[in-house]
Amino acid sequence: MPHTAVILAAVSEEQGPGNTLRVVLLAALVGAALLAWFLLRGYRNDDNND
C-alpha cells in the first residue's frame, strides 16, 4: 500500500485546470464584449445617413 499513498500524494499536489480555466473565461468575456461593441456600433444612428 505505500505505492498507493505516494501516488495519491503526487496527484493531490497538482492544481488542476484552475488558472487555465480563468484565463480562458477572461479571454472569452473580453472577446464577447469586443464582438458586441463591433456589431452594435454598426447599428448606431448618427443622423448622417443622407
PDB file of N, CA and C in Angstrom:
ATOM      1  N   MET A   1       0.792  -1.220   0.000  1.00  0.00           N
ATOM      2  CA  MET A   1       0.000   0.000   0.000  1.00  0.00           C
ATOM      3  C   MET A   1       0.830   1.278   0.000  1.00  0.00           C
ATOM      4  N   PRO A   2       2.124   1.258   0.286  1.00  0.00           N
ATOM      5  CA  PRO A   2       2.859   2.526   0.263  1.00  0.00           C
ATOM      6  C   PRO A   2       2.888   3.151  -1.124  1.00  0.00           C
ATOM      7  N   HIS A   3       2.797   2.334  -2.155  1.00  0.00           N
ATOM      8  CA  HIS A   3       2.796   2.885  -3.508  1.00  0.00           C
ATOM      9  C   HIS A   3       1.535   3.711  -3.762  1.00  0.00           C
ATOM     10  N   THR A   4       0.422   3.245  -3.250  1.00  0.00           N
ATOM     11  CA  THR A   4      -0.836   3.974  -3.420  1.00  0.00           C
ATOM     12  C   THR A   4      -0.776   5.324  -2.715  1.00  0.00           C
ATOM     13  N   ALA A   5      -0.199   5.361  -1.529  1.00  0.00           N
ATOM     14  CA  ALA A   5      -0.092   6.616  -0.796  1.00  0.00           C
ATOM     15  C   ALA A   5       0.796   7.613  -1.534  1.00  0.00           C
ATOM     16  N   VAL A   6       1.860   7.136  -2.132  1.00  0.00           N
ATOM     17  CA  VAL A   6       2.760   8.023  -2.881  1.00  0.00           C
ATOM     18  C   VAL A   6       2.046   8.578  -4.102  1.00  0.00           C
ATOM     19  N   ILE A   7       1.284   7.731  -4.792  1.00  0.00           N
ATOM     20  CA  ILE A   7       0.545   8.185  -5.986  1.00  0.00           C
ATOM     21  C   ILE A   7      -0.511   9.204  -5.592  1.00  0.00           C
ATOM     22  N   LEU A   8      -1.236   8.953  -4.519  1.00  0.00           N
ATOM     23  CA  LEU A   8      -2.272   9.901  -4.079  1.00  0.00           C
ATOM     24  C   LEU A   8      -1.657  11.224  -3.649  1.00  0.00           C
ATOM     25  N   ALA A   9      -0.509  11.190  -3.025  1.00  0.00           N
ATOM     26  CA  ALA A   9       0.152  12.426  -2.611  1.00  0.00           C
ATOM     27  C   ALA A   9       0.612  13.217  -3.829  1.00  0.00           C
ATOM     28  N   ALA A  10       1.100  12.531  -4.849  1.00  0.00           N
ATOM     29  CA  ALA A  10       1.555  13.220  -6.056  1.00  0.00           C
ATOM     30  C   ALA A  10       0.380  13.840  -6.798  1.00  0.00           C
ATOM     31  N   VAL A  11      -0.729  13.149  -6.828  1.00  0.00           N
ATOM     32  CA  VAL A  11      -1.913  13.666  -7.525  1.00  0.00           C
ATOM     33  C   VAL A  11      -2.491  14.861  -6.779  1.00  0.00           C
ATOM     34  N   SER A  12      -2.468  14.846  -5.471  1.00  0.00           N
ATOM     35  CA  SER A  12      -3.073  15.924  -4.696  1.00  0.00           C
ATOM     36  C   SER A  12      -2.261  17.217  -4.790  1.00  0.00           C
ATOM     37  N   GLU A  13      -0.996  17.136  -5.206  1.00  0.00           N
ATOM     38  CA  GLU A  13      -0.188  18.339  -5.326  1.00  0.00           C
ATOM     39  C   GLU A  13      -0.501  19.135  -6.592  1.00  0.00           C
ATOM     40  N   GLU A  14      -1.121  18.493  -7.561  1.00  0.00           N
ATOM     41  CA  GLU A  14      -1.444  19.195  -8.803  1.00  0.00           C
ATOM     42  C   GLU A  14      -2.584  20.177  -8.556  1.00  0.00           C
ATOM     43  N   GLN A  15      -2.515  21.328  -9.222  1.00  0.00           N
ATOM     44  CA  GLN A  15      -3.516  22.371  -9.011  1.00  0.00           C
ATOM     45  C   GLN A  15      -4.759  22.175  -9.866  1.00  0.00           C
ATOM     46  N   GLY A  16      -4.641  21.453 -10.946  1.00  0.00           N
ATOM     47  CA  GLY A  16      -5.793  21.259 -11.817  1.00  0.00           C
ATOM     48  C   GLY A  16      -5.893  22.389 -12.819  1.00  0.00           C
ATOM     49  N   PRO A  17      -7.037  22.496 -13.475  1.00  0.00           N
ATOM     50  CA  PRO A  17      -7.192  23.469 -14.562  1.00  0.00           C
ATOM     51  C   PRO A  17      -7.625  24.851 -14.087  1.00  0.00           C
ATOM     52  N   GLY A  18      -7.394  25.188 -12.845  1.00  0.00           N
ATOM     53  CA  GLY A  18      -7.909  26.449 -12.300  1.00  0.00           C
ATOM     54  C   GLY A  18      -7.403  27.680 -13.015  1.00  0.00           C
ATOM     55  N   ASN A  19      -6.079  27.849 -13.132  1.00  0.00           N
ATOM     56  CA  ASN A  19      -5.543  29.048 -13.763  1.00  0.00           C
ATOM     57  C   ASN A  19      -5.854  29.089 -15.255  1.00  0.00           C
ATOM     58  N   THR A  20      -5.748  27.960 -15.913  1.00  0.00           N
ATOM     59  CA  THR A  20      -6.049  27.908 -17.346  1.00  0.00           C
ATOM     60  C   THR A  20      -7.508  28.242 -17.590  1.00  0.00           C
ATOM     61  N   LEU A  21      -8.384  27.720 -16.770  1.00  0.00           N
ATOM     62  CA  LEU A  21      -9.809  27.990 -16.925  1.00  0.00           C
ATOM     63  C   LEU A  21     -10.110  29.471 -16.709  1.00  0.00           C
ATOM     64  N   ARG A  22      -9.442  30.094 -15.748  1.00  0.00           N
ATOM     65  CA  ARG A  22      -9.638  31.531 -15.526  1.00  0.00           C
ATOM     66  C   ARG A  22      -9.210  32.339 -16.741  1.00  0.00           C
ATOM     67  N   VAL A  23      -8.076  31.993 -17.322  1.00  0.00           N
ATOM     68  CA  VAL A  23      -7.587  32.719 -18.495  1.00  0.00           C
ATOM     69  C   VAL A  23      -8.532  32.544 -19.665  1.00  0.00           C
ATOM     70  N   VAL A  24      -9.011  31.333 -19.885  1.00  0.00           N
ATOM     71  CA  VAL A  24      -9.925  31.073 -20.995  1.00  0.00           C
ATOM     72  C   VAL A  24     -11.236  31.826 -20.797  1.00  0.00           C
ATOM     73  N   LEU A  25     -11.766  31.827 -19.603  1.00  0.00           N
ATOM     74  CA  LEU A  25     -13.013  32.550 -19.343  1.00  0.00           C
ATOM     75  C   LEU A  25     -12.834  34.054 -19.504  1.00  0.00           C
ATOM     76  N   LEU A  26     -11.712  34.579 -19.029  1.00  0.00           N
ATOM     77  CA  LEU A  26     -11.455  36.007 -19.178  1.00  0.00           C
ATOM     78  C   LEU A  26     -11.324  36.386 -20.645  1.00  0.00           C
ATOM     79  N   ALA A  27     -10.616  35.585 -21.415  1.00  0.00           N
ATOM     80  CA  ALA A  27     -10.464  35.860 -22.844  1.00  0.00           C
ATOM     81  C   ALA A  27     -11.809  35.768 -23.558  1.00  0.00           C
ATOM     82  N   ALA A  28     -12.641  34.828 -23.168  1.00  0.00           N
ATOM     83  CA  ALA A  28     -13.964  34.693 -23.783  1.00  0.00           C
ATOM     84  C   ALA A  28     -14.838  35.908 -23.470  1.00  0.00           C
ATOM     85  N   LEU A  29     -14.790  36.381 -22.237  1.00  0.00           N
ATOM     86  CA  LEU A  29     -15.594  37.549 -21.872  1.00  0.00           C
ATOM     87  C   LEU A  29     -15.125  38.804 -22.595  1.00  0.00           C
ATOM     88  N   VAL A  30     -13.819  39.001 -22.666  1.00  0.00           N
ATOM     89  CA  VAL A  30     -13.282  40.167 -23.377  1.00  0.00           C
ATOM     90  C   VAL A  30     -13.616  40.064 -24.858  1.00  0.00           C
ATOM     91  N   GLY A  31     -13.484  38.891 -25.436  1.00  0.00           N
ATOM     92  CA  GLY A  31     -13.825  38.697 -26.838  1.00  0.00           C
ATOM     93  C   GLY A  31     -15.295  38.943 -27.108  1.00  0.00           C
ATOM     94  N   ALA A  32     -16.163  38.485 -26.228  1.00  0.00           N
ATOM     95  CA  ALA A  32     -17.599  38.708 -26.399  1.00  0.00           C
ATOM     96  C   ALA A  32     -17.935  40.198 -26.303  1.00  0.00           C
ATOM     97  N   ALA A  33     -17.294  40.903 -25.386  1.00  0.00           N
ATOM     98  CA  ALA A  33     -17.541  42.337 -25.254  1.00  0.00           C
ATOM     99  C   ALA A  33     -17.062  43.083 -26.497  1.00  0.00           C
ATOM    100  N   LEU A  34     -15.900  42.728 -27.012  1.00  0.00           N
ATOM    101  CA  LEU A  34     -15.403  43.386 -28.234  1.00  0.00           C
ATOM    102  C   LEU A  34     -16.279  43.066 -29.438  1.00  0.00           C
ATOM    103  N   LEU A  35     -16.740  41.842 -29.545  1.00  0.00           N
ATOM    104  CA  LEU A  35     -17.625  41.467 -30.644  1.00  0.00           C
ATOM    105  C   LEU A  35     -18.945  42.213 -30.561  1.00  0.00           C
ATOM    106  N   ALA A  36     -19.504  42.327 -29.357  1.00  0.00           N
ATOM    107  CA  ALA A  36     -20.759  43.064 -29.178  1.00  0.00           C
ATOM    108  C   ALA A  36     -20.562  44.533 -29.537  1.00  0.00           C
ATOM    109  N   TRP A  37     -19.460  45.116 -29.111  1.00  0.00           N
ATOM    110  CA  TRP A  37     -19.194  46.523 -29.439  1.00  0.00           C
ATOM    111  C   TRP A  37     -19.060  46.705 -30.943  1.00  0.00           C
ATOM    112  N   PHE A  38     -18.338  45.810 -31.591  1.00  0.00           N
ATOM    113  CA  PHE A  38     -18.119  45.919 -33.039  1.00  0.00           C
ATOM    114  C   PHE A  38     -19.428  45.773 -33.803  1.00  0.00           C
ATOM    115  N   LEU A  39     -20.273  44.822 -33.403  1.00  0.00           N
ATOM    116  CA  LEU A  39     -21.530  44.616 -34.111  1.00  0.00           C
ATOM    117  C   LEU A  39     -22.530  45.729 -33.832  1.00  0.00           C
ATOM    118  N   LEU A  40     -22.600  46.168 -32.579  1.00  0.00           N
ATOM    119  CA  LEU A  40     -23.601  47.177 -32.224  1.00  0.00           C
ATOM    120  C   LEU A  40     -23.237  48.561 -32.729  1.00  0.00           C
ATOM    121  N   ARG A  41     -21.971  48.822 -32.966  1.00  0.00           N
ATOM    122  CA  ARG A  41     -21.610  50.156 -33.442  1.00  0.00           C
ATOM    123  C   ARG A  41     -22.084  50.349 -34.877  1.00  0.00           C
ATOM    124  N   GLY A  42     -22.337  49.284 -35.603  1.00  0.00           N
ATOM    125  CA  GLY A  42     -22.879  49.380 -36.951  1.00  0.00           C
ATOM    126  C   GLY A  42     -24.339  49.792 -36.949  1.00  0.00           C
ATOM    127  N   TYR A  43     -25.050  49.592 -35.866  1.00  0.00           N
ATOM    128  CA  TYR A  43     -26.462  49.952 -35.777  1.00  0.00           C
ATOM    129  C   TYR A  43     -26.680  51.348 -35.204  1.00  0.00           C
ATOM    130  N   ARG A  44     -25.599  52.030 -34.883  1.00  0.00           N
ATOM    131  CA  ARG A  44     -25.704  53.368 -34.325  1.00  0.00           C
ATOM    132  C   ARG A  44     -26.206  54.321 -35.396  1.00  0.00           C
ATOM    133  N   ASN A  45     -27.114  55.208 -35.047  1.00  0.00           N
ATOM    134  CA  ASN A  45     -27.681  56.167 -35.990  1.00  0.00           C
ATOM    135  C   ASN A  45     -27.235  57.567 -35.587  1.00  0.00           C
ATOM    136  N   ASP A  46     -26.333  58.160 -36.382  1.00  0.00           N
ATOM    137  CA  ASP A  46     -25.835  59.487 -36.081  1.00  0.00           C
ATOM    138  C   ASP A  46     -26.535  60.563 -36.897  1.00  0.00           C
ATOM    139  N   ASP A  47     -27.603  60.209 -37.596  1.00  0.00           N
ATOM    140  CA  ASP A  47     -28.339  61.127 -38.489  1.00  0.00           C
ATOM    141  C   ASP A  47     -27.435  61.684 -39.579  1.00  0.00           C
ATOM    142  N   ASN A  48     -26.429  60.948 -39.966  1.00  0.00           N
ATOM    143  CA  ASN A  48     -25.567  61.348 -41.072  1.00  0.00           C
ATOM    144  C   ASN A  48     -25.830  60.478 -42.309  1.00  0.00           C
ATOM    145  N   ASN A  49     -26.921  59.749 -42.295  1.00  0.00           N
ATOM    146  CA  ASN A  49     -27.229  58.824 -43.383  1.00  0.00           C
ATOM    147  C   ASN A  49     -28.151  59.513 -44.385  1.00  0.00           C
ATOM    148  N   ASP A  50     -27.635  60.427 -45.141  1.00  0.00           N
ATOM    149  CA  ASP A  50     -28.482  61.145 -46.101  1.00  0.00           C
ATOM    150  C   ASP A  50     -28.805  60.311 -47.247  1.00  0.00           C
TER     151      ASP A  50
END
